[in-house]
């Protein structure tokens, strides 16, 4: 049960991070700081950063096997994302999308590895 709680917190962290950074990017676009190229770049960078941070959170909470925890988290997130994209928006598979998903998986794995390395157990 504790693992599901940690997983839910990490997924919530990812979604909140995506929403927050998207809001900031939207405000920058509205003000005129970002142009079309900047928006395209932020559309790619925001999910990568959020997956890294979510992987960091689950790695820090679990404290062991960071690569496996990051892989589990990224696969669950990508299942949710795939269901939303293909059932809701009628997107089709492409090689660019598969490469992007692999980048997201690697980002989450790296984040959880860093999170495990920052984990300091209590010495009570």
N, C-alpha and C. Protein backbone atom coordinates (compact mmCIF):
# COMPACT_ATOMS: atom_id res chain seq x y z
N UNK A 1 0.82 -1.20 0.00
CA UNK A 1 0.00 0.00 0.00
C UNK A 1 0.86 1.26 0.00
N UNK A 2 1.99 1.18 0.71
CA UNK A 2 2.89 2.32 0.77
C UNK A 2 3.48 2.61 -0.61
N UNK A 3 3.75 1.53 -1.39
CA UNK A 3 4.30 1.72 -2.73
C UNK A 3 3.30 2.42 -3.64
N UNK A 4 2.04 2.04 -3.55
CA UNK A 4 1.01 2.70 -4.37
C UNK A 4 0.86 4.16 -3.99
N UNK A 5 0.99 4.47 -2.72
CA UNK A 5 0.93 5.86 -2.27
C UNK A 5 2.08 6.65 -2.86
N UNK A 6 3.30 6.09 -2.82
CA UNK A 6 4.46 6.77 -3.39
C UNK A 6 4.32 6.93 -4.90
N UNK A 7 3.79 5.92 -5.55
CA UNK A 7 3.57 6.00 -6.99
C UNK A 7 2.54 7.06 -7.34
N UNK A 8 1.46 7.12 -6.57
CA UNK A 8 0.44 8.14 -6.79
C UNK A 8 0.96 9.54 -6.55
N UNK A 9 1.79 9.70 -5.53
CA UNK A 9 2.39 11.02 -5.26
C UNK A 9 3.29 11.42 -6.42
N UNK A 10 4.07 10.47 -6.95
CA UNK A 10 4.96 10.79 -8.07
C UNK A 10 4.18 11.14 -9.33
N UNK A 11 3.11 10.39 -9.61
CA UNK A 11 2.29 10.72 -10.79
C UNK A 11 1.60 12.07 -10.63
N UNK A 12 1.13 12.35 -9.43
CA UNK A 12 0.53 13.65 -9.17
C UNK A 12 1.56 14.77 -9.32
N UNK A 13 2.78 14.52 -8.87
CA UNK A 13 3.85 15.48 -9.02
C UNK A 13 4.14 15.74 -10.50
N UNK A 14 4.13 14.69 -11.31
CA UNK A 14 4.37 14.85 -12.75
C UNK A 14 3.27 15.70 -13.38
N UNK A 15 2.02 15.38 -13.09
CA UNK A 15 0.91 16.13 -13.68
C UNK A 15 0.90 17.58 -13.23
N UNK A 16 1.18 17.82 -11.95
CA UNK A 16 1.23 19.21 -11.46
C UNK A 16 2.39 19.97 -12.07
N UNK A 17 3.52 19.31 -12.22
CA UNK A 17 4.68 19.95 -12.83
C UNK A 17 4.39 20.31 -14.29
N UNK A 18 3.73 19.41 -15.00
CA UNK A 18 3.37 19.70 -16.40
C UNK A 18 2.39 20.87 -16.46
N UNK A 19 1.38 20.86 -15.62
CA UNK A 19 0.40 21.95 -15.63
C UNK A 19 1.02 23.29 -15.25
N UNK A 20 1.89 23.29 -14.23
CA UNK A 20 2.52 24.53 -13.80
C UNK A 20 3.44 25.11 -14.86
N UNK A 21 4.30 24.26 -15.46
CA UNK A 21 5.20 24.76 -16.49
C UNK A 21 4.45 25.16 -17.76
N UNK A 22 3.37 24.47 -18.06
CA UNK A 22 2.56 24.87 -19.21
C UNK A 22 1.91 26.22 -18.97
N UNK A 23 1.45 26.45 -17.77
CA UNK A 23 0.87 27.75 -17.43
C UNK A 23 1.91 28.87 -17.57
N UNK A 24 3.11 28.63 -17.08
CA UNK A 24 4.18 29.63 -17.21
C UNK A 24 4.52 29.86 -18.67
N UNK A 25 4.61 28.79 -19.46
CA UNK A 25 4.88 28.93 -20.89
C UNK A 25 3.78 29.69 -21.61
N UNK A 26 2.53 29.44 -21.22
CA UNK A 26 1.40 30.15 -21.81
C UNK A 26 1.46 31.63 -21.48
N UNK A 27 1.79 31.94 -20.24
CA UNK A 27 1.92 33.35 -19.86
C UNK A 27 3.05 34.04 -20.62
N UNK A 28 4.17 33.36 -20.78
CA UNK A 28 5.28 33.93 -21.56
C UNK A 28 4.88 34.14 -23.02
N UNK A 29 4.10 33.23 -23.56
CA UNK A 29 3.62 33.39 -24.93
C UNK A 29 2.64 34.56 -25.03
N UNK A 30 1.79 34.70 -24.04
CA UNK A 30 0.81 35.78 -24.04
C UNK A 30 1.49 37.14 -23.94
N UNK A 31 2.51 37.22 -23.11
CA UNK A 31 3.25 38.48 -22.95
C UNK A 31 4.08 38.79 -24.19
N UNK A 32 4.55 37.77 -24.87
CA UNK A 32 5.33 37.97 -26.08
C UNK A 32 6.79 37.60 -25.92
N UNK A 33 7.14 36.94 -24.83
CA UNK A 33 8.53 36.55 -24.62
C UNK A 33 8.90 35.36 -25.49
N UNK A 34 7.99 34.41 -25.65
CA UNK A 34 8.24 33.23 -26.48
C UNK A 34 7.59 33.40 -27.85
N UNK A 35 8.31 32.95 -28.88
CA UNK A 35 7.73 32.93 -30.22
C UNK A 35 7.36 31.48 -30.56
N UNK A 36 7.06 31.22 -31.81
CA UNK A 36 6.63 29.87 -32.21
C UNK A 36 7.71 28.82 -31.97
N UNK A 37 8.96 29.17 -32.23
CA UNK A 37 10.05 28.23 -32.00
C UNK A 37 10.19 27.93 -30.52
N UNK A 38 10.07 28.94 -29.68
CA UNK A 38 10.15 28.74 -28.24
C UNK A 38 9.04 27.86 -27.72
N UNK A 39 7.85 28.02 -28.26
CA UNK A 39 6.71 27.18 -27.85
C UNK A 39 6.96 25.72 -28.24
N UNK A 40 7.48 25.50 -29.44
CA UNK A 40 7.77 24.13 -29.87
C UNK A 40 8.82 23.47 -28.99
N UNK A 41 9.82 24.24 -28.59
CA UNK A 41 10.86 23.70 -27.72
C UNK A 41 10.31 23.40 -26.33
N UNK A 42 9.50 24.30 -25.79
CA UNK A 42 8.95 24.07 -24.46
C UNK A 42 7.97 22.89 -24.45
N UNK A 43 7.28 22.64 -25.56
CA UNK A 43 6.39 21.48 -25.63
C UNK A 43 7.15 20.17 -25.51
N UNK A 44 8.41 20.18 -25.88
CA UNK A 44 9.23 18.97 -25.77
C UNK A 44 9.91 18.91 -24.40
N UNK A 45 10.39 20.04 -23.91
CA UNK A 45 11.19 20.06 -22.68
C UNK A 45 10.33 19.86 -21.42
N UNK A 46 9.12 20.41 -21.40
CA UNK A 46 8.29 20.33 -20.19
C UNK A 46 8.01 18.89 -19.77
N UNK A 47 7.57 17.99 -20.64
CA UNK A 47 7.37 16.60 -20.18
C UNK A 47 8.66 15.89 -19.78
N UNK A 48 9.77 16.23 -20.43
CA UNK A 48 11.05 15.62 -20.06
C UNK A 48 11.44 16.04 -18.65
N UNK A 49 11.32 17.31 -18.35
CA UNK A 49 11.63 17.80 -17.00
C UNK A 49 10.68 17.23 -15.96
N UNK A 50 9.41 17.12 -16.31
CA UNK A 50 8.45 16.60 -15.34
C UNK A 50 8.68 15.11 -15.08
N UNK A 51 9.05 14.35 -16.10
CA UNK A 51 9.35 12.93 -15.89
C UNK A 51 10.60 12.77 -15.05
N UNK A 52 11.59 13.63 -15.27
CA UNK A 52 12.81 13.58 -14.45
C UNK A 52 12.47 13.87 -12.99
N UNK A 53 11.66 14.90 -12.77
CA UNK A 53 11.32 15.26 -11.38
C UNK A 53 10.44 14.20 -10.73
N UNK A 54 9.51 13.62 -11.46
CA UNK A 54 8.69 12.54 -10.91
C UNK A 54 9.52 11.30 -10.60
N UNK A 55 10.48 10.99 -11.47
CA UNK A 55 11.40 9.89 -11.20
C UNK A 55 12.26 10.17 -9.99
N UNK A 56 12.67 11.43 -9.82
CA UNK A 56 13.46 11.81 -8.65
C UNK A 56 12.66 11.59 -7.37
N UNK A 57 11.39 11.97 -7.40
CA UNK A 57 10.53 11.83 -6.21
C UNK A 57 10.36 10.35 -5.85
N UNK A 58 10.04 9.52 -6.82
CA UNK A 58 9.83 8.10 -6.49
C UNK A 58 11.14 7.43 -6.10
N UNK A 59 12.25 7.84 -6.71
CA UNK A 59 13.54 7.27 -6.34
C UNK A 59 13.93 7.64 -4.92
N UNK A 60 13.65 8.87 -4.54
CA UNK A 60 13.98 9.31 -3.19
C UNK A 60 13.08 8.63 -2.16
N UNK A 61 11.82 8.41 -2.49
CA UNK A 61 10.91 7.78 -1.55
C UNK A 61 11.18 6.27 -1.41
N UNK A 62 11.52 5.61 -2.50
CA UNK A 62 11.74 4.17 -2.44
C UNK A 62 13.13 3.84 -1.89
N UNK A 63 14.15 4.53 -2.37
CA UNK A 63 15.49 4.33 -1.84
C UNK A 63 16.23 3.11 -2.33
N UNK A 64 15.73 2.39 -3.31
CA UNK A 64 16.41 1.22 -3.85
C UNK A 64 15.99 1.00 -5.30
N UNK A 65 16.89 0.41 -6.07
CA UNK A 65 16.64 0.07 -7.47
C UNK A 65 15.99 1.23 -8.23
N UNK A 66 16.73 2.31 -8.37
CA UNK A 66 16.19 3.51 -9.00
C UNK A 66 15.80 3.29 -10.45
N UNK A 67 16.57 2.51 -11.18
CA UNK A 67 16.24 2.30 -12.58
C UNK A 67 14.92 1.57 -12.75
N UNK A 68 14.65 0.61 -11.85
CA UNK A 68 13.40 -0.15 -11.95
C UNK A 68 12.20 0.70 -11.56
N UNK A 69 12.36 1.52 -10.53
CA UNK A 69 11.26 2.40 -10.10
C UNK A 69 10.95 3.44 -11.18
N UNK A 70 12.00 3.98 -11.80
CA UNK A 70 11.79 4.94 -12.88
C UNK A 70 11.14 4.31 -14.09
N UNK A 71 11.51 3.08 -14.39
CA UNK A 71 10.90 2.37 -15.50
C UNK A 71 9.42 2.10 -15.25
N UNK A 72 9.08 1.67 -14.05
CA UNK A 72 7.67 1.43 -13.71
C UNK A 72 6.86 2.71 -13.81
N UNK A 73 7.40 3.79 -13.24
CA UNK A 73 6.69 5.08 -13.27
C UNK A 73 6.49 5.56 -14.70
N UNK A 74 7.53 5.47 -15.50
CA UNK A 74 7.41 5.96 -16.87
C UNK A 74 6.45 5.10 -17.70
N UNK A 75 6.44 3.81 -17.48
CA UNK A 75 5.51 2.96 -18.23
C UNK A 75 4.07 3.24 -17.84
N UNK A 76 3.81 3.47 -16.56
CA UNK A 76 2.45 3.80 -16.14
C UNK A 76 2.03 5.14 -16.73
N UNK A 77 2.93 6.13 -16.70
CA UNK A 77 2.61 7.43 -17.26
C UNK A 77 2.39 7.34 -18.77
N UNK A 78 3.22 6.55 -19.45
CA UNK A 78 3.07 6.44 -20.90
C UNK A 78 1.81 5.67 -21.29
N UNK A 79 1.35 4.76 -20.47
CA UNK A 79 0.07 4.09 -20.73
C UNK A 79 -1.06 5.10 -20.64
N UNK A 80 -1.02 5.94 -19.62
CA UNK A 80 -2.04 6.99 -19.48
C UNK A 80 -1.98 7.94 -20.66
N UNK A 81 -0.78 8.35 -21.04
CA UNK A 81 -0.60 9.28 -22.15
C UNK A 81 -1.04 8.67 -23.47
N UNK A 82 -0.72 7.41 -23.68
CA UNK A 82 -1.11 6.73 -24.90
C UNK A 82 -2.62 6.58 -25.00
N UNK A 83 -3.26 6.20 -23.91
CA UNK A 83 -4.71 6.10 -23.93
C UNK A 83 -5.36 7.45 -24.23
N UNK A 84 -4.83 8.50 -23.64
CA UNK A 84 -5.38 9.83 -23.90
C UNK A 84 -5.17 10.24 -25.35
N UNK A 85 -3.97 10.02 -25.89
CA UNK A 85 -3.67 10.44 -27.26
C UNK A 85 -4.43 9.64 -28.30
N UNK A 86 -4.49 8.33 -28.14
CA UNK A 86 -5.05 7.50 -29.20
C UNK A 86 -6.55 7.29 -29.08
N UNK A 87 -7.06 7.27 -27.88
CA UNK A 87 -8.51 7.12 -27.74
C UNK A 87 -9.22 8.46 -27.78
N UNK A 88 -8.60 9.47 -27.20
CA UNK A 88 -9.25 10.78 -27.12
C UNK A 88 -8.97 11.70 -28.30
N UNK A 89 -7.74 11.67 -28.80
CA UNK A 89 -7.35 12.63 -29.84
C UNK A 89 -7.12 12.00 -31.20
N UNK A 90 -7.23 10.68 -31.32
CA UNK A 90 -7.08 9.95 -32.58
C UNK A 90 -5.73 10.18 -33.24
N UNK A 91 -4.64 10.20 -32.46
CA UNK A 91 -3.30 10.26 -33.03
C UNK A 91 -2.91 8.88 -33.51
N UNK A 92 -1.95 8.84 -34.44
CA UNK A 92 -1.46 7.55 -34.91
C UNK A 92 0.02 7.42 -34.55
N UNK A 93 0.50 6.18 -34.56
CA UNK A 93 1.90 5.93 -34.24
C UNK A 93 2.81 6.50 -35.32
N UNK A 94 3.96 7.00 -34.89
CA UNK A 94 5.00 7.43 -35.82
C UNK A 94 6.34 7.18 -35.16
N UNK A 95 7.39 7.18 -35.94
CA UNK A 95 8.71 6.91 -35.40
C UNK A 95 9.16 8.05 -34.47
N UNK A 96 8.75 9.28 -34.78
CA UNK A 96 9.09 10.41 -33.91
C UNK A 96 8.47 10.25 -32.53
N UNK A 97 7.24 9.79 -32.49
CA UNK A 97 6.55 9.60 -31.22
C UNK A 97 7.18 8.48 -30.40
N UNK A 98 7.60 7.42 -31.05
CA UNK A 98 8.26 6.32 -30.33
C UNK A 98 9.59 6.79 -29.76
N UNK A 99 10.35 7.57 -30.52
CA UNK A 99 11.61 8.11 -30.02
C UNK A 99 11.35 9.05 -28.85
N UNK A 100 10.31 9.85 -28.93
CA UNK A 100 9.95 10.76 -27.84
C UNK A 100 9.58 9.99 -26.58
N UNK A 101 8.84 8.89 -26.74
CA UNK A 101 8.49 8.07 -25.59
C UNK A 101 9.73 7.43 -24.96
N UNK A 102 10.67 7.02 -25.77
CA UNK A 102 11.92 6.45 -25.25
C UNK A 102 12.69 7.52 -24.47
N UNK A 103 12.71 8.75 -24.97
CA UNK A 103 13.37 9.84 -24.26
C UNK A 103 12.69 10.09 -22.91
N UNK A 104 11.36 10.03 -22.87
CA UNK A 104 10.65 10.19 -21.60
C UNK A 104 10.98 9.06 -20.62
N UNK A 105 11.08 7.84 -21.12
CA UNK A 105 11.43 6.71 -20.25
C UNK A 105 12.82 6.89 -19.68
N UNK A 106 13.78 7.27 -20.52
CA UNK A 106 15.16 7.47 -20.06
C UNK A 106 15.21 8.62 -19.05
N UNK A 107 14.45 9.67 -19.28
CA UNK A 107 14.42 10.80 -18.36
C UNK A 107 13.91 10.38 -16.98
N UNK A 108 12.87 9.58 -16.95
CA UNK A 108 12.33 9.10 -15.67
C UNK A 108 13.31 8.17 -14.97
N UNK A 109 13.97 7.31 -15.72
CA UNK A 109 14.95 6.39 -15.13
C UNK A 109 16.11 7.18 -14.54
N UNK A 110 16.62 8.16 -15.28
CA UNK A 110 17.73 8.97 -14.77
C UNK A 110 17.32 9.74 -13.52
N UNK A 111 16.10 10.27 -13.51
CA UNK A 111 15.61 10.99 -12.34
C UNK A 111 15.52 10.11 -11.12
N UNK A 112 15.05 8.87 -11.29
CA UNK A 112 14.94 7.98 -10.14
C UNK A 112 16.31 7.50 -9.67
N UNK A 113 17.25 7.36 -10.58
CA UNK A 113 18.61 6.99 -10.16
C UNK A 113 19.23 8.10 -9.34
N UNK A 114 19.04 9.34 -9.78
CA UNK A 114 19.54 10.49 -9.01
C UNK A 114 18.83 10.57 -7.67
N UNK A 115 17.53 10.29 -7.64
CA UNK A 115 16.77 10.32 -6.39
C UNK A 115 17.23 9.28 -5.40
N UNK A 116 17.56 8.08 -5.88
CA UNK A 116 18.06 7.04 -5.00
C UNK A 116 19.42 7.44 -4.44
N UNK A 117 20.25 8.06 -5.26
CA UNK A 117 21.57 8.47 -4.80
C UNK A 117 21.50 9.61 -3.80
N UNK A 118 20.44 10.40 -3.83
CA UNK A 118 20.25 11.48 -2.86
C UNK A 118 19.56 11.00 -1.59
N UNK A 119 19.10 9.76 -1.60
CA UNK A 119 18.39 9.19 -0.45
C UNK A 119 19.37 8.97 0.69
N UNK A 120 19.02 9.47 1.87
CA UNK A 120 19.84 9.26 3.04
C UNK A 120 18.97 8.60 4.11
N UNK A 121 19.23 7.34 4.42
CA UNK A 121 18.40 6.67 5.43
C UNK A 121 18.63 7.26 6.82
N UNK A 122 17.61 7.13 7.65
CA UNK A 122 17.72 7.61 9.03
C UNK A 122 18.65 6.71 9.82
N UNK A 123 19.49 7.30 10.63
CA UNK A 123 20.43 6.52 11.44
C UNK A 123 19.98 6.51 12.89
N UNK A 124 18.80 6.00 13.14
CA UNK A 124 18.25 5.93 14.50
C UNK A 124 18.58 4.61 15.15
